[in-house]
Amino acid sequence: LGIPPVYFMPNKSLRDTAGKIIVQQFFYGDKDGQGVFNGFLNSFSNANWKRTDSAQWVKISSVKGTPIEIYANRPLDEKLGLDDEAQHHLDDYLYNNDIEPTIVIHRGHSYWLEGTIKQLAPSAKIVLLGSCGAYQSLDKILRICPTEQIVASKQTGSGLVNHPMIYAILDQLRQGKDLNWPAMWTYL
């Protein structure tokens, strides 16, 4: 029937024509977002990853295994709209360089989710939404990316759950493994 698998995501399906997996993470500039961003940077501070900084975003690249590039906007001051500006500059950079994310990750409270959805890349094949009640936005996301796999919080989103889950997913992919969702949930 041409329906993509729902219990696993082949590693090769997430790669672009150059063989890279492209990830875009959205962060927001409130106090919580800044803390989550710092935790994100710390988790990728090991021999498997290297970081490239710019004023408005960071790029984390795998140095071993499957090539992965993670683009994440800096959570700059939300009261001045600088986080929104950083996200749009990153969107422009990705667009102007023909970089299409196949994984999109929302890292922020539920009231920020609409901002992420408005910028959601139609190329996404996996969308991770860890904010409270994010499952309520599934219809909006499916209208943009009708065949992607979505991981969304039903009740309270928690960094204690999201952070290790995101790292485990990306490390599995870096190792060249497919994502087997039932096995992943058992492991986590």
N, C-alpha and C. Protein backbone atom coordinates (compact mmCIF):
# COMPACT_ATOMS: atom_id res chain seq x y z
N LEU A 1 0.81 -1.22 0.00
CA LEU A 1 0.00 0.00 0.00
C LEU A 1 0.85 1.27 0.00
N GLY A 2 2.16 1.11 0.07
CA GLY A 2 3.02 2.28 0.08
C GLY A 2 3.06 3.00 1.42
N ILE A 3 2.62 2.34 2.47
CA ILE A 3 2.62 2.94 3.80
C ILE A 3 3.98 2.68 4.44
N PRO A 4 4.67 3.72 4.90
CA PRO A 4 5.98 3.51 5.52
C PRO A 4 5.83 2.76 6.84
N PRO A 5 6.90 2.12 7.31
CA PRO A 5 6.83 1.37 8.56
C PRO A 5 6.51 2.29 9.74
N VAL A 6 5.83 1.72 10.73
CA VAL A 6 5.50 2.53 11.92
C VAL A 6 6.27 2.10 13.15
N TYR A 7 6.83 0.88 13.15
CA TYR A 7 7.55 0.39 14.33
C TYR A 7 9.05 0.56 14.23
N PHE A 8 9.53 1.01 13.10
CA PHE A 8 10.96 1.28 12.98
C PHE A 8 11.19 2.35 11.92
N MET A 9 12.37 2.95 12.00
CA MET A 9 12.78 3.93 11.00
C MET A 9 14.16 3.50 10.52
N PRO A 10 14.26 3.12 9.25
CA PRO A 10 15.56 2.73 8.71
C PRO A 10 16.53 3.91 8.73
N ASN A 11 17.73 3.67 9.16
CA ASN A 11 18.78 4.68 9.20
C ASN A 11 18.94 5.32 7.83
N LYS A 12 18.97 4.52 6.80
CA LYS A 12 19.19 5.02 5.44
C LYS A 12 18.06 5.95 4.97
N SER A 13 16.87 5.77 5.51
CA SER A 13 15.74 6.62 5.13
C SER A 13 15.88 8.05 5.64
N LEU A 14 16.73 8.23 6.62
CA LEU A 14 16.93 9.56 7.21
C LEU A 14 18.08 10.33 6.57
N ARG A 15 18.83 9.67 5.70
CA ARG A 15 20.02 10.30 5.11
C ARG A 15 19.68 11.10 3.86
N ASP A 16 20.41 12.19 3.69
CA ASP A 16 20.25 12.99 2.48
C ASP A 16 21.10 12.39 1.36
N THR A 17 21.18 13.05 0.23
CA THR A 17 21.92 12.51 -0.91
C THR A 17 23.42 12.40 -0.65
N ALA A 18 23.93 13.15 0.33
CA ALA A 18 25.34 13.06 0.70
C ALA A 18 25.57 12.02 1.80
N GLY A 19 24.51 11.36 2.23
CA GLY A 19 24.63 10.33 3.26
C GLY A 19 24.56 10.83 4.69
N LYS A 20 24.20 12.12 4.88
CA LYS A 20 24.13 12.71 6.21
C LYS A 20 22.69 12.69 6.75
N ILE A 21 22.59 12.57 8.06
CA ILE A 21 21.32 12.76 8.74
C ILE A 21 21.33 14.18 9.30
N ILE A 22 20.32 14.96 8.92
CA ILE A 22 20.24 16.36 9.34
C ILE A 22 19.13 16.50 10.40
N VAL A 23 19.49 17.14 11.51
CA VAL A 23 18.58 17.34 12.63
C VAL A 23 18.46 18.84 12.88
N GLN A 24 17.25 19.31 13.11
CA GLN A 24 17.05 20.70 13.53
C GLN A 24 16.34 20.69 14.87
N GLN A 25 16.95 21.38 15.84
CA GLN A 25 16.34 21.50 17.17
C GLN A 25 15.96 22.95 17.41
N PHE A 26 14.75 23.12 17.93
CA PHE A 26 14.24 24.45 18.27
C PHE A 26 14.34 24.65 19.78
N PHE A 27 15.03 25.72 20.17
CA PHE A 27 15.12 26.11 21.58
C PHE A 27 14.51 27.50 21.73
N TYR A 28 14.04 27.78 22.93
CA TYR A 28 13.41 29.07 23.21
C TYR A 28 14.14 29.75 24.36
N GLY A 29 14.10 31.10 24.36
CA GLY A 29 14.95 31.89 25.22
C GLY A 29 14.49 32.18 26.62
N ASP A 30 13.53 31.43 27.14
CA ASP A 30 13.17 31.61 28.54
C ASP A 30 14.21 30.90 29.41
N LYS A 31 14.09 31.04 30.72
CA LYS A 31 15.08 30.47 31.64
C LYS A 31 15.19 28.95 31.47
N ASP A 32 14.05 28.27 31.36
CA ASP A 32 14.07 26.81 31.18
C ASP A 32 14.77 26.43 29.88
N GLY A 33 14.47 27.15 28.81
CA GLY A 33 15.07 26.86 27.51
C GLY A 33 16.58 27.02 27.54
N GLN A 34 17.06 28.02 28.24
CA GLN A 34 18.50 28.23 28.35
C GLN A 34 19.17 27.08 29.10
N GLY A 35 18.50 26.61 30.16
CA GLY A 35 19.04 25.48 30.91
C GLY A 35 19.07 24.20 30.10
N VAL A 36 17.99 23.93 29.35
CA VAL A 36 17.91 22.74 28.51
C VAL A 36 18.97 22.80 27.41
N PHE A 37 19.18 23.98 26.85
CA PHE A 37 20.19 24.16 25.81
C PHE A 37 21.58 23.83 26.35
N ASN A 38 21.89 24.30 27.55
CA ASN A 38 23.20 24.01 28.14
C ASN A 38 23.37 22.51 28.38
N GLY A 39 22.31 21.84 28.82
CA GLY A 39 22.36 20.39 28.99
C GLY A 39 22.58 19.68 27.66
N PHE A 40 21.92 20.18 26.62
CA PHE A 40 22.09 19.64 25.27
C PHE A 40 23.55 19.74 24.85
N LEU A 41 24.16 20.92 25.01
CA LEU A 41 25.57 21.09 24.63
C LEU A 41 26.47 20.14 25.41
N ASN A 42 26.22 20.02 26.70
CA ASN A 42 27.06 19.15 27.54
C ASN A 42 26.97 17.69 27.12
N SER A 43 25.80 17.24 26.70
CA SER A 43 25.66 15.83 26.33
C SER A 43 26.40 15.48 25.05
N PHE A 44 26.70 16.46 24.23
CA PHE A 44 27.42 16.21 22.99
C PHE A 44 28.88 16.66 23.08
N SER A 45 29.37 16.77 24.32
CA SER A 45 30.78 17.15 24.55
C SER A 45 31.59 15.89 24.84
N ASN A 46 31.73 15.05 23.82
CA ASN A 46 32.55 13.85 23.96
C ASN A 46 33.23 13.57 22.62
N ALA A 47 34.03 12.52 22.58
CA ALA A 47 34.86 12.23 21.40
C ALA A 47 34.06 11.87 20.16
N ASN A 48 32.77 11.59 20.29
CA ASN A 48 31.96 11.22 19.13
C ASN A 48 31.40 12.42 18.37
N TRP A 49 31.54 13.61 18.96
CA TRP A 49 30.89 14.79 18.40
C TRP A 49 31.83 15.99 18.42
N LYS A 50 31.65 16.90 17.48
CA LYS A 50 32.37 18.18 17.53
C LYS A 50 31.36 19.31 17.36
N ARG A 51 31.68 20.44 17.91
CA ARG A 51 30.77 21.58 17.92
C ARG A 51 31.35 22.74 17.13
N THR A 52 30.50 23.38 16.33
CA THR A 52 30.85 24.59 15.60
C THR A 52 29.87 25.67 16.04
N ASP A 53 30.39 26.79 16.53
CA ASP A 53 29.55 27.85 17.06
C ASP A 53 29.38 28.99 16.07
N SER A 54 28.20 29.57 16.08
CA SER A 54 27.97 30.84 15.41
C SER A 54 27.20 31.71 16.40
N ALA A 55 26.97 32.95 16.06
CA ALA A 55 26.33 33.88 16.99
C ALA A 55 24.90 33.46 17.33
N GLN A 56 24.18 32.85 16.38
CA GLN A 56 22.77 32.56 16.60
C GLN A 56 22.42 31.08 16.66
N TRP A 57 23.35 30.21 16.31
CA TRP A 57 23.08 28.78 16.40
C TRP A 57 24.39 28.01 16.57
N VAL A 58 24.23 26.74 16.88
CA VAL A 58 25.38 25.84 16.94
C VAL A 58 25.12 24.67 15.99
N LYS A 59 26.20 24.08 15.56
CA LYS A 59 26.14 22.88 14.74
C LYS A 59 26.96 21.82 15.46
N ILE A 60 26.33 20.69 15.73
CA ILE A 60 27.01 19.55 16.34
C ILE A 60 27.13 18.50 15.25
N SER A 61 28.34 18.00 15.00
CA SER A 61 28.57 17.01 13.95
C SER A 61 29.19 15.76 14.55
N SER A 62 28.73 14.61 14.07
CA SER A 62 29.35 13.36 14.50
C SER A 62 30.73 13.27 13.85
N VAL A 63 31.69 12.73 14.58
CA VAL A 63 33.04 12.54 14.02
C VAL A 63 33.34 11.06 13.83
N LYS A 64 32.47 10.20 14.35
CA LYS A 64 32.61 8.75 14.18
C LYS A 64 31.25 8.20 13.76
N GLY A 65 31.27 7.19 12.92
CA GLY A 65 30.02 6.55 12.53
C GLY A 65 29.28 7.30 11.43
N THR A 66 27.97 7.13 11.43
CA THR A 66 27.11 7.79 10.44
C THR A 66 27.24 9.30 10.56
N PRO A 67 27.41 10.01 9.46
CA PRO A 67 27.47 11.47 9.53
C PRO A 67 26.12 12.06 9.96
N ILE A 68 26.14 12.78 11.05
CA ILE A 68 24.96 13.46 11.56
C ILE A 68 25.33 14.91 11.80
N GLU A 69 24.46 15.81 11.40
CA GLU A 69 24.63 17.24 11.68
C GLU A 69 23.39 17.71 12.42
N ILE A 70 23.60 18.26 13.61
CA ILE A 70 22.50 18.79 14.42
C ILE A 70 22.64 20.31 14.41
N TYR A 71 21.61 20.98 13.95
CA TYR A 71 21.57 22.44 13.95
C TYR A 71 20.59 22.89 15.02
N ALA A 72 21.04 23.72 15.93
CA ALA A 72 20.18 24.18 17.02
C ALA A 72 20.36 25.68 17.21
N ASN A 73 19.24 26.39 17.21
CA ASN A 73 19.33 27.82 17.46
C ASN A 73 19.70 28.06 18.93
N ARG A 74 20.39 29.14 19.19
CA ARG A 74 20.69 29.52 20.57
C ARG A 74 19.41 30.08 21.21
N PRO A 75 19.18 29.78 22.47
CA PRO A 75 17.99 30.30 23.16
C PRO A 75 18.23 31.73 23.65
N LEU A 76 18.31 32.64 22.73
CA LEU A 76 18.58 34.04 23.07
C LEU A 76 17.34 34.68 23.69
N ASP A 77 17.48 35.83 24.25
CA ASP A 77 16.44 36.51 25.04
C ASP A 77 15.09 36.55 24.32
N GLU A 78 14.13 35.81 24.88
CA GLU A 78 12.79 35.72 24.27
C GLU A 78 12.01 37.01 24.44
N LYS A 79 12.31 37.78 25.46
CA LYS A 79 11.58 39.04 25.67
C LYS A 79 11.90 40.06 24.58
N LEU A 80 13.07 39.94 24.00
CA LEU A 80 13.46 40.82 22.90
C LEU A 80 13.23 40.17 21.54
N GLY A 81 12.70 38.94 21.54
CA GLY A 81 12.44 38.23 20.29
C GLY A 81 13.69 37.70 19.63
N LEU A 82 14.79 37.64 20.38
CA LEU A 82 16.05 37.21 19.78
C LEU A 82 16.08 35.71 19.50
N ASP A 83 15.33 34.92 20.28
CA ASP A 83 15.27 33.48 19.99
C ASP A 83 14.56 33.24 18.67
N ASP A 84 13.48 33.98 18.44
CA ASP A 84 12.73 33.89 17.18
C ASP A 84 13.62 34.31 16.01
N GLU A 85 14.36 35.37 16.19
CA GLU A 85 15.27 35.85 15.15
C GLU A 85 16.34 34.80 14.85
N ALA A 86 16.89 34.18 15.89
CA ALA A 86 17.92 33.15 15.70
C ALA A 86 17.34 31.95 14.94
N GLN A 87 16.11 31.57 15.27
CA GLN A 87 15.47 30.45 14.57
C GLN A 87 15.30 30.77 13.08
N HIS A 88 14.85 31.97 12.79
CA HIS A 88 14.62 32.33 11.38
C HIS A 88 15.94 32.46 10.61
N HIS A 89 16.98 32.95 11.27
CA HIS A 89 18.28 33.00 10.59
C HIS A 89 18.79 31.60 10.30
N LEU A 90 18.57 30.67 11.25
CA LEU A 90 18.96 29.29 11.01
C LEU A 90 18.12 28.68 9.88
N ASP A 91 16.81 28.94 9.90
CA ASP A 91 15.95 28.46 8.80
C ASP A 91 16.48 28.95 7.45
N ASP A 92 16.84 30.23 7.38
CA ASP A 92 17.36 30.81 6.14
C ASP A 92 18.67 30.14 5.73
N TYR A 93 19.54 29.92 6.71
CA TYR A 93 20.82 29.26 6.42
C TYR A 93 20.58 27.87 5.84
N LEU A 94 19.71 27.10 6.47
CA LEU A 94 19.43 25.75 5.99
C LEU A 94 18.85 25.80 4.58
N TYR A 95 17.89 26.68 4.37
CA TYR A 95 17.24 26.80 3.06
C TYR A 95 18.25 27.22 1.98
N ASN A 96 19.04 28.25 2.28
CA ASN A 96 19.98 28.78 1.29
C ASN A 96 21.10 27.81 0.95
N ASN A 97 21.34 26.83 1.82
CA ASN A 97 22.40 25.85 1.61
C ASN A 97 21.84 24.46 1.26
N ASP A 98 20.55 24.41 0.91
CA ASP A 98 19.89 23.14 0.54
C ASP A 98 20.09 22.05 1.58
N ILE A 99 19.96 22.42 2.84
CA ILE A 99 20.07 21.47 3.94
C ILE A 99 18.66 21.22 4.44
N GLU A 100 18.20 19.97 4.31
CA GLU A 100 16.83 19.62 4.67
C GLU A 100 16.80 18.66 5.85
N PRO A 101 16.30 19.11 7.00
CA PRO A 101 16.24 18.23 8.17
C PRO A 101 15.28 17.06 7.96
N THR A 102 15.73 15.88 8.38
CA THR A 102 14.84 14.73 8.38
C THR A 102 14.38 14.41 9.81
N ILE A 103 15.00 15.06 10.78
CA ILE A 103 14.56 14.95 12.18
C ILE A 103 14.40 16.38 12.71
N VAL A 104 13.25 16.65 13.30
CA VAL A 104 13.00 17.95 13.92
C VAL A 104 12.62 17.71 15.37
N ILE A 105 13.23 18.49 16.25
CA ILE A 105 13.02 18.33 17.69
C ILE A 105 12.58 19.66 18.30
N HIS A 106 11.46 19.63 18.98
CA HIS A 106 10.97 20.81 19.71
C HIS A 106 11.42 20.67 21.16
N ARG A 107 12.19 21.64 21.64
CA ARG A 107 12.62 21.67 23.03
C ARG A 107 12.10 22.96 23.67
N GLY A 108 10.95 22.92 24.21
CA GLY A 108 10.38 24.10 24.84
C GLY A 108 9.00 23.80 25.38
N HIS A 109 8.49 24.74 26.16
CA HIS A 109 7.16 24.60 26.73
C HIS A 109 6.10 24.53 25.63
N SER A 110 4.92 24.08 26.01
CA SER A 110 3.84 23.90 25.03
C SER A 110 3.44 25.23 24.38
N TYR A 111 3.56 26.33 25.09
CA TYR A 111 3.16 27.61 24.49
C TYR A 111 4.13 28.05 23.40
N TRP A 112 5.28 27.39 23.26
CA TRP A 112 6.21 27.69 22.18
C TRP A 112 5.99 26.77 20.97
N LEU A 113 5.23 25.71 21.14
CA LEU A 113 5.11 24.69 20.11
C LEU A 113 4.58 25.24 18.78
N GLU A 114 3.65 26.15 18.82
CA GLU A 114 3.11 26.73 17.58
C GLU A 114 4.21 27.37 16.74
N GLY A 115 5.18 28.00 17.40
CA GLY A 115 6.31 28.60 16.68
C GLY A 115 7.15 27.55 15.96
N THR A 116 7.34 26.41 16.60
CA THR A 116 8.08 25.32 15.95
C THR A 116 7.30 24.76 14.77
N ILE A 117 6.00 24.55 14.97
CA ILE A 117 5.17 23.99 13.90
C ILE A 117 5.17 24.90 12.67
N LYS A 118 5.14 26.21 12.88
CA LYS A 118 5.15 27.15 11.75
C LYS A 118 6.43 27.05 10.93
N GLN A 119 7.51 26.56 11.55
CA GLN A 119 8.80 26.47 10.87
C GLN A 119 9.16 25.02 10.51
N LEU A 120 8.25 24.10 10.74
CA LEU A 120 8.52 22.68 10.54
C LEU A 120 8.87 22.38 9.09
N ALA A 121 10.01 21.74 8.90
CA ALA A 121 10.46 21.38 7.56
C ALA A 121 9.62 20.23 7.01
N PRO A 122 9.04 20.37 5.83
CA PRO A 122 8.26 19.28 5.23
C PRO A 122 9.09 18.03 4.98
N SER A 123 10.42 18.16 4.98
CA SER A 123 11.31 17.01 4.77
C SER A 123 11.43 16.12 5.99
N ALA A 124 10.87 16.54 7.13
CA ALA A 124 11.01 15.78 8.38
C ALA A 124 10.37 14.41 8.26
N LYS A 125 11.09 13.41 8.75
CA LYS A 125 10.57 12.04 8.80
C LYS A 125 10.34 11.58 10.23
N ILE A 126 11.00 12.27 11.17
CA ILE A 126 10.76 12.05 12.60
C ILE A 126 10.61 13.43 13.23
N VAL A 127 9.56 13.58 14.02
CA VAL A 127 9.34 14.82 14.77
C VAL A 127 9.20 14.44 16.24
N LEU A 128 10.04 15.03 17.07
CA LEU A 128 10.02 14.76 18.51
C LEU A 128 9.49 16.00 19.23
N LEU A 129 8.39 15.81 19.96
CA LEU A 129 7.75 16.91 20.67
C LEU A 129 7.67 16.54 22.15
N GLY A 130 8.50 17.15 22.95
CA GLY A 130 8.53 16.79 24.36
C GLY A 130 7.80 17.74 25.27
N SER A 131 7.07 18.70 24.74
CA SER A 131 6.39 19.66 25.60
C SER A 131 5.08 19.07 26.12
N CYS A 132 4.59 19.65 27.19
CA CYS A 132 3.36 19.16 27.82
C CYS A 132 2.21 19.12 26.80
N GLY A 133 1.52 17.99 26.74
CA GLY A 133 0.35 17.86 25.89
C GLY A 133 0.61 18.01 24.41
N ALA A 134 1.84 17.78 23.97
CA ALA A 134 2.19 17.99 22.56
C ALA A 134 1.38 17.12 21.61
N TYR A 135 0.86 15.99 22.10
CA TYR A 135 0.09 15.09 21.23
C TYR A 135 -1.15 15.79 20.66
N GLN A 136 -1.58 16.88 21.29
CA GLN A 136 -2.75 17.61 20.82
C GLN A 136 -2.49 18.34 19.49
N SER A 137 -1.23 18.41 19.10
CA SER A 137 -0.86 19.11 17.86
C SER A 137 -0.57 18.16 16.70
N LEU A 138 -0.87 16.88 16.86
CA LEU A 138 -0.54 15.91 15.83
C LEU A 138 -1.16 16.24 14.48
N ASP A 139 -2.41 16.68 14.48
CA ASP A 139 -3.09 16.99 13.22
C ASP A 139 -2.36 18.09 12.45
N LYS A 140 -1.94 19.14 13.14
CA LYS A 140 -1.22 20.23 12.48
C LYS A 140 0.08 19.74 11.87
N ILE A 141 0.76 18.87 12.58
CA ILE A 141 2.05 18.36 12.11
C ILE A 141 1.85 17.43 10.91
N LEU A 142 0.84 16.58 10.99
CA LEU A 142 0.58 15.65 9.88
C LEU A 142 0.15 16.37 8.61
N ARG A 143 -0.39 17.55 8.72
CA ARG A 143 -0.75 18.34 7.53
C ARG A 143 0.50 18.85 6.81
N ILE A 144 1.60 19.01 7.55
CA ILE A 144 2.85 19.48 6.96
C ILE A 144 3.70 18.30 6.48
N CYS A 145 3.77 17.27 7.30
CA CYS A 145 4.58 16.08 7.01
C CYS A 145 3.70 14.85 7.19
N PRO A 146 2.94 14.46 6.19
CA PRO A 146 1.93 13.42 6.37
C PRO A 146 2.43 12.01 6.64
N THR A 147 3.70 11.72 6.39
CA THR A 147 4.17 10.35 6.60
C THR A 147 5.26 10.23 7.68
N GLU A 148 5.50 11.30 8.43
CA GLU A 148 6.57 11.23 9.42
C GLU A 148 6.10 10.46 10.66
N GLN A 149 7.08 10.05 11.43
CA GLN A 149 6.80 9.41 12.70
C GLN A 149 6.93 10.48 13.78
N ILE A 150 5.98 10.50 14.70
CA ILE A 150 5.94 11.53 15.73
C ILE A 150 6.06 10.89 17.10
N VAL A 151 6.94 11.45 17.91
CA VAL A 151 7.03 11.08 19.32
C VAL A 151 6.60 12.33 20.08
N ALA A 152 5.49 12.21 20.84
CA ALA A 152 4.94 13.38 21.52
C ALA A 152 4.51 13.03 22.94
N SER A 153 4.70 13.98 23.83
CA SER A 153 4.25 13.82 25.21
C SER A 153 2.73 13.89 25.26
N LYS A 154 2.14 13.04 26.07
CA LYS A 154 0.69 13.09 26.24
C LYS A 154 0.33 14.02 27.40
N GLN A 155 1.10 13.94 28.47
CA GLN A 155 0.82 14.80 29.62
C GLN A 155 1.99 15.73 29.82
N THR A 156 2.70 15.58 30.90
CA THR A 156 3.79 16.50 31.23
C THR A 156 5.06 16.13 30.48
N GLY A 157 5.62 17.09 29.77
CA GLY A 157 6.91 16.90 29.13
C GLY A 157 8.00 17.13 30.16
N SER A 158 9.02 16.32 30.14
CA SER A 158 10.08 16.44 31.14
C SER A 158 11.44 16.29 30.48
N GLY A 159 12.35 17.19 30.83
CA GLY A 159 13.72 17.09 30.34
C GLY A 159 14.38 15.81 30.81
N LEU A 160 13.96 15.30 31.96
CA LEU A 160 14.54 14.05 32.47
C LEU A 160 14.18 12.87 31.57
N VAL A 161 13.11 12.98 30.81
CA VAL A 161 12.72 11.95 29.85
C VAL A 161 13.25 12.31 28.46
N ASN A 162 13.02 13.54 28.04
CA ASN A 162 13.36 13.96 26.68
C ASN A 162 14.86 13.90 26.40
N HIS A 163 15.64 14.41 27.31
CA HIS A 163 17.08 14.51 27.08
C HIS A 163 17.73 13.15 26.83
N PRO A 164 17.55 12.15 27.72
CA PRO A 164 18.16 10.85 27.43
C PRO A 164 17.56 10.16 26.20
N MET A 165 16.29 10.39 25.94
CA MET A 165 15.65 9.78 24.77
C MET A 165 16.28 10.34 23.49
N ILE A 166 16.42 11.65 23.42
CA ILE A 166 16.99 12.28 22.22
C ILE A 166 18.42 11.81 22.01
N TYR A 167 19.21 11.78 23.09
CA TYR A 167 20.60 11.35 22.95
C TYR A 167 20.65 9.89 22.50
N ALA A 168 19.81 9.03 23.07
CA ALA A 168 19.80 7.61 22.70
C ALA A 168 19.44 7.44 21.23
N ILE A 169 18.45 8.17 20.76
CA ILE A 169 18.04 8.09 19.35
C ILE A 169 19.19 8.51 18.44
N LEU A 170 19.80 9.65 18.75
CA LEU A 170 20.86 10.15 17.88
C LEU A 170 22.10 9.27 17.94
N ASP A 171 22.39 8.69 19.10
CA ASP A 171 23.55 7.81 19.19
C ASP A 171 23.31 6.50 18.44
N GLN A 172 22.08 5.98 18.50
CA GLN A 172 21.74 4.79 17.70
C GLN A 172 21.98 5.06 16.22
N LEU A 173 21.52 6.21 15.77
CA LEU A 173 21.69 6.57 14.37
C LEU A 173 23.16 6.76 14.02
N ARG A 174 23.91 7.39 14.92
CA ARG A 174 25.34 7.60 14.69
C ARG A 174 26.05 6.26 14.52
N GLN A 175 25.61 5.26 15.26
CA GLN A 175 26.20 3.92 15.17
C GLN A 175 25.74 3.16 13.93
N GLY A 176 24.90 3.79 13.11
CA GLY A 176 24.45 3.16 11.87
C GLY A 176 23.26 2.24 12.05
N LYS A 177 22.67 2.24 13.22
CA LYS A 177 21.55 1.35 13.51
C LYS A 177 20.23 1.99 13.08
N ASP A 178 19.27 1.14 12.75
CA ASP A 178 17.92 1.59 12.50
C ASP A 178 17.26 1.88 13.84
N LEU A 179 16.22 2.70 13.84
CA LEU A 179 15.46 2.95 15.05
C LEU A 179 14.33 1.94 15.13
N ASN A 180 14.39 1.08 16.10
CA ASN A 180 13.36 0.10 16.37
C ASN A 180 12.62 0.62 17.59
N TRP A 181 11.44 1.22 17.38
CA TRP A 181 10.75 1.92 18.46
C TRP A 181 10.40 1.01 19.64
N PRO A 182 9.82 -0.18 19.45
CA PRO A 182 9.53 -1.02 20.62
C PRO A 182 10.80 -1.36 21.42
N ALA A 183 11.90 -1.66 20.72
CA ALA A 183 13.17 -1.95 21.42
C ALA A 183 13.69 -0.70 22.13
N MET A 184 13.53 0.47 21.50
CA MET A 184 13.98 1.73 22.12
C MET A 184 13.21 1.99 23.40
N TRP A 185 11.89 1.81 23.36
CA TRP A 185 11.09 2.09 24.57
C TRP A 185 11.44 1.11 25.67
N THR A 186 11.71 -0.16 25.33
CA THR A 186 12.14 -1.14 26.33
C THR A 186 13.47 -0.73 26.94
N TYR A 187 14.41 -0.32 26.10
CA TYR A 187 15.73 0.12 26.56
C TYR A 187 15.61 1.34 27.48
N LEU A 188 14.83 2.31 27.06
CA LEU A 188 14.71 3.53 27.86
C LEU A 188 13.94 3.28 29.16
